[in-house]
């Protein structure tokens, strides 16, 4: 039935409602877009979810996409330095004969949220809530958040998850036909610039130049490598 929170509670059936009804009668599922809410920092996501919890829409299915830096609960990986992504991938691939037992418990988290929703106990949550629950159930919060995106109506994430094509692809985010909200959108320019920028050290440039020297001197695709060598030389 119509909700009581907005103008549709009047019960009047618009042309759009009629079309959706016809779709259902014909056996086609009407498309319901997701809301992707992008923020500049993870701290802002915490503030927004706290405000969402205070509204009538607190029970709307949601998820928060974030990096392993915030959600990994594996004792070894989470305590490591800057190579958490690589260590996680190695565990998932079982390169050293070990696997991640927390990854295999992802279903515990998603089922827990499904159970809460069924009993109308579901309410807006924060990353810390998910991580705490993940530790309690021994289930990976990082992959659970991604799995919850399938049934979520609202997806919270940092800007770069929406702007960076590589991150969108890796996180399986499809924005076609979806609703995108950007909080404090005046920061978008800086984030977009960072997404297409790359930092390189002088040492890396010198190593690259040496390798390109080897290629050119050994007549290996000279036409391709000479311009690249010239760029390295000019930058160094």
Protein backbone atom coordinates (compact mmCIF):
# COMPACT_ATOMS: atom_id res chain seq x y z
CA UNK A 1 0.00 0.00 0.00
CA UNK A 2 1.00 3.66 -0.21
CA UNK A 3 3.38 4.94 2.44
CA UNK A 4 2.41 7.65 4.90
CA UNK A 5 5.60 9.69 4.68
CA UNK A 6 5.10 11.57 1.41
CA UNK A 7 2.58 12.79 -1.15
CA UNK A 8 1.84 9.30 -2.46
CA UNK A 9 -0.18 8.67 0.72
CA UNK A 10 -3.06 10.52 -0.95
CA UNK A 11 -3.78 7.26 -2.76
CA UNK A 12 -4.10 8.90 -6.16
CA UNK A 13 -2.88 6.65 -8.93
CA UNK A 14 -0.69 8.51 -11.42
CA UNK A 15 0.09 7.47 -14.98
CA UNK A 16 3.42 6.13 -13.75
CA UNK A 17 1.67 4.00 -11.12
CA UNK A 18 -0.64 2.65 -13.81
CA UNK A 19 2.31 1.69 -16.00
CA UNK A 20 4.04 -0.06 -13.07
CA UNK A 21 0.81 -1.94 -12.26
CA UNK A 22 0.55 -3.09 -15.87
CA UNK A 23 4.16 -4.24 -15.74
CA UNK A 24 3.42 -6.37 -12.67
CA UNK A 25 0.29 -7.77 -14.29
CA UNK A 26 2.36 -8.77 -17.31
CA UNK A 27 4.84 -10.53 -15.05
CA UNK A 28 7.65 -7.96 -15.43
CA UNK A 29 9.35 -6.62 -12.32
CA UNK A 30 9.34 -2.84 -12.13
CA UNK A 31 12.82 -1.35 -11.76
CA UNK A 32 13.49 0.29 -8.40
CA UNK A 33 16.68 2.42 -8.46
CA UNK A 34 19.21 2.40 -5.64
CA UNK A 35 20.37 5.60 -3.98
CA UNK A 36 24.18 5.98 -4.00
CA UNK A 37 25.16 8.54 -1.40
CA UNK A 38 28.75 9.73 -1.85
CA UNK A 39 30.70 11.62 0.83
CA UNK A 40 34.22 13.01 1.12
CA UNK A 41 35.29 11.01 4.18
CA UNK A 42 34.27 7.92 6.13
CA UNK A 43 33.66 10.12 9.16
CA UNK A 44 30.91 11.95 7.25
CA UNK A 45 29.24 8.59 6.51
CA UNK A 46 29.07 7.99 10.27
CA UNK A 47 27.34 11.35 10.74
CA UNK A 48 24.84 10.67 7.96
CA UNK A 49 23.92 7.17 9.16
CA UNK A 50 23.45 8.58 12.67
CA UNK A 51 20.97 11.11 11.28
CA UNK A 52 19.27 8.43 9.16
CA UNK A 53 18.71 6.37 12.30
CA UNK A 54 16.66 9.25 13.73
CA UNK A 55 14.26 9.37 10.76
CA UNK A 56 11.24 7.30 9.72
CA UNK A 57 13.47 5.64 7.08
CA UNK A 58 15.88 4.02 9.54
CA UNK A 59 14.65 0.55 8.58
CA UNK A 60 15.42 0.98 4.86
CA UNK A 61 17.94 -1.71 3.73
CA UNK A 62 21.37 -0.10 3.40
CA UNK A 63 25.07 -0.81 3.21
CA UNK A 64 28.36 1.07 3.48
CA UNK A 65 31.19 0.44 1.04
CA UNK A 66 34.65 1.07 2.43
CA UNK A 67 38.22 -0.19 2.16
CA UNK A 68 39.84 -3.07 4.01
CA UNK A 69 41.59 -0.45 6.16
CA UNK A 70 38.26 0.13 7.91
CA UNK A 71 36.59 -3.29 7.68
CA UNK A 72 39.19 -6.08 7.73
CA UNK A 73 39.01 -8.13 10.93
CA UNK A 74 41.71 -10.71 10.15
CA UNK A 75 44.20 -10.32 13.03
CA UNK A 76 47.31 -10.56 10.81
CA UNK A 77 46.08 -8.56 7.80
CA UNK A 78 44.40 -5.81 9.82
CA UNK A 79 47.54 -5.22 11.90
CA UNK A 80 49.81 -5.01 8.84
CA UNK A 81 50.95 -1.78 7.20
CA UNK A 82 50.01 -0.64 3.71
CA UNK A 83 49.77 -4.03 1.95
CA UNK A 84 46.40 -5.18 3.31
CA UNK A 85 44.84 -5.53 -0.14
CA UNK A 86 47.68 -7.75 -1.38
CA UNK A 87 47.65 -9.89 1.77
CA UNK A 88 43.88 -10.31 1.52
CA UNK A 89 44.09 -11.42 -2.13
CA UNK A 90 46.87 -13.89 -1.28
CA UNK A 91 44.73 -15.43 1.46
CA UNK A 92 41.70 -15.71 -0.82
CA UNK A 93 43.82 -17.38 -3.50
CA UNK A 94 45.44 -19.66 -0.91
CA UNK A 95 48.94 -18.89 -2.23
CA UNK A 96 50.71 -20.01 0.93
CA UNK A 97 48.40 -22.89 1.74
CA UNK A 98 46.28 -20.74 4.05
CA UNK A 99 42.83 -19.30 3.51
CA UNK A 100 40.76 -16.63 5.29
CA UNK A 101 38.24 -18.27 7.61
CA UNK A 102 36.49 -14.90 8.08
CA UNK A 103 35.75 -14.70 4.33
CA UNK A 104 34.02 -18.07 4.47
CA UNK A 105 31.74 -16.71 7.20
CA UNK A 106 30.38 -13.78 5.16
CA UNK A 107 26.94 -15.40 4.92
CA UNK A 108 26.61 -15.18 8.72
CA UNK A 109 26.55 -11.38 8.53
CA UNK A 110 24.19 -11.11 5.56
CA UNK A 111 21.81 -13.67 7.08
CA UNK A 112 21.92 -11.82 10.41
CA UNK A 113 20.77 -8.60 8.71
CA UNK A 114 18.11 -10.49 6.76
CA UNK A 115 16.80 -11.96 10.03
CA UNK A 116 16.69 -8.52 11.65
CA UNK A 117 14.81 -7.11 8.67
CA UNK A 118 12.25 -9.92 8.78
CA UNK A 119 11.51 -9.20 12.43
CA UNK A 120 11.38 -5.41 11.85
CA UNK A 121 14.43 -4.93 14.07
CA UNK A 122 16.52 -3.51 11.22
CA UNK A 123 17.87 0.01 11.67
CA UNK A 124 20.58 2.19 10.14
CA UNK A 125 24.09 1.12 11.12
CA UNK A 126 27.66 2.37 10.85
CA UNK A 127 30.92 0.71 9.77
CA UNK A 128 31.92 0.23 13.40
CA UNK A 129 28.64 -1.61 14.06
CA UNK A 130 29.29 -3.97 11.13
CA UNK A 131 32.91 -4.58 12.13
CA UNK A 132 31.89 -5.26 15.74
CA UNK A 133 29.25 -7.73 14.57
CA UNK A 134 31.76 -9.29 12.17
CA UNK A 135 34.20 -9.95 15.03
CA UNK A 136 31.40 -11.44 17.10
CA UNK A 137 30.26 -13.78 14.30
CA UNK A 138 33.80 -14.30 12.92
CA UNK A 139 32.68 -13.04 9.51
CA UNK A 140 34.36 -10.65 7.06
CA UNK A 141 32.75 -7.20 7.26
CA UNK A 142 34.41 -6.03 4.01
CA UNK A 143 32.82 -8.65 1.75
CA UNK A 144 29.58 -8.68 3.78
CA UNK A 145 29.08 -4.96 3.03
CA UNK A 146 29.54 -5.68 -0.68
CA UNK A 147 27.10 -8.60 -0.53
CA UNK A 148 24.50 -6.45 1.25
CA UNK A 149 24.64 -4.00 -1.69
CA UNK A 150 22.49 -6.41 -3.76
CA UNK A 151 19.41 -5.89 -1.58
CA UNK A 152 20.20 -2.39 -0.34
CA UNK A 153 18.07 0.64 -1.23
CA UNK A 154 20.73 3.10 -0.02
CA UNK A 155 24.47 2.61 -0.57
CA UNK A 156 26.85 4.93 1.30
CA UNK A 157 30.43 5.29 0.06
CA UNK A 158 33.28 7.78 -0.41
CA UNK A 159 33.33 9.91 -3.60
CA UNK A 160 36.03 7.88 -5.34
CA UNK A 161 33.88 4.74 -5.30
CA UNK A 162 31.53 6.54 -7.70
CA UNK A 163 34.04 8.61 -9.68
CA UNK A 164 36.94 6.22 -10.22
CA UNK A 165 36.07 3.74 -13.04
CA UNK A 166 38.54 1.13 -11.74
CA UNK A 167 36.99 1.14 -8.26
CA UNK A 168 33.47 1.03 -9.73
CA UNK A 169 34.44 -2.02 -11.75
CA UNK A 170 36.13 -3.83 -8.87
CA UNK A 171 33.19 -3.10 -6.53
CA UNK A 172 30.67 -4.03 -9.26
CA UNK A 173 28.90 -0.66 -9.03
CA UNK A 174 26.56 0.08 -11.94
CA UNK A 175 25.21 3.64 -11.82
CA UNK A 176 23.01 3.41 -14.92
CA UNK A 177 19.45 4.37 -13.98
CA UNK A 178 20.39 4.84 -10.31
CA UNK A 179 20.06 7.90 -8.05
CA UNK A 180 23.37 9.56 -7.11
CA UNK A 181 23.63 12.06 -4.24
CA UNK A 182 26.95 13.82 -3.62
CA UNK A 183 27.35 15.44 -0.23
CA UNK A 184 29.40 18.68 -0.27
CA UNK A 185 29.78 18.38 -4.04
CA UNK A 186 32.19 21.33 -4.24
CA UNK A 187 34.89 18.81 -3.27
CA UNK A 188 34.24 16.69 -6.37
CA UNK A 189 36.84 18.46 -8.53
CA UNK A 190 39.70 17.51 -6.19
CA UNK A 191 38.49 13.92 -5.93
CA UNK A 192 38.11 13.61 -9.71
CA UNK A 193 41.61 15.01 -10.17
CA UNK A 194 43.02 12.47 -7.71
CA UNK A 195 41.23 9.62 -9.50
CA UNK A 196 43.10 10.32 -12.74
CA UNK A 197 46.43 11.21 -11.12
CA UNK A 198 49.40 9.01 -10.31
CA UNK A 199 52.38 9.66 -8.06
CA UNK A 200 55.83 8.51 -9.18
CA UNK A 201 59.24 8.95 -7.50
CA UNK A 202 62.47 10.07 -9.13
CA UNK A 203 63.98 6.66 -8.35
CA UNK A 204 61.16 4.91 -10.23
CA UNK A 205 61.70 7.21 -13.22
CA UNK A 206 65.43 6.39 -13.30
CA UNK A 207 64.73 2.63 -13.17
CA UNK A 208 62.16 2.99 -15.96
CA UNK A 209 64.65 4.97 -18.07
CA UNK A 210 67.29 2.27 -17.64
CA UNK A 211 64.84 -0.42 -18.73
CA UNK A 212 63.79 1.66 -21.74
CA UNK A 213 67.47 2.21 -22.63
CA UNK A 214 67.87 -1.57 -22.70
CA UNK A 215 64.82 -1.94 -24.97
CA UNK A 216 65.98 0.72 -27.42
CA UNK A 217 69.61 -0.49 -27.52
CA UNK A 218 68.42 -4.02 -28.29
CA UNK A 219 66.05 -2.87 -31.08
CA UNK A 220 62.94 -3.97 -29.20
CA UNK A 221 59.97 -1.92 -30.47
CA UNK A 222 62.11 1.21 -30.77
CA UNK A 223 59.25 3.37 -32.11
CA UNK A 224 57.22 2.70 -28.96
CA UNK A 225 60.02 2.89 -26.41
CA UNK A 226 61.99 5.93 -27.63
CA UNK A 227 59.18 8.46 -26.91
CA UNK A 228 58.68 6.92 -23.44
CA UNK A 229 62.42 7.17 -22.74
CA UNK A 230 62.34 10.83 -23.82
CA UNK A 231 59.52 11.50 -21.31
CA UNK A 232 61.50 9.85 -18.49
CA UNK A 233 64.61 11.82 -19.41
CA UNK A 234 62.74 15.14 -19.48
CA UNK A 235 61.10 14.48 -16.12
CA UNK A 236 64.34 13.43 -14.39
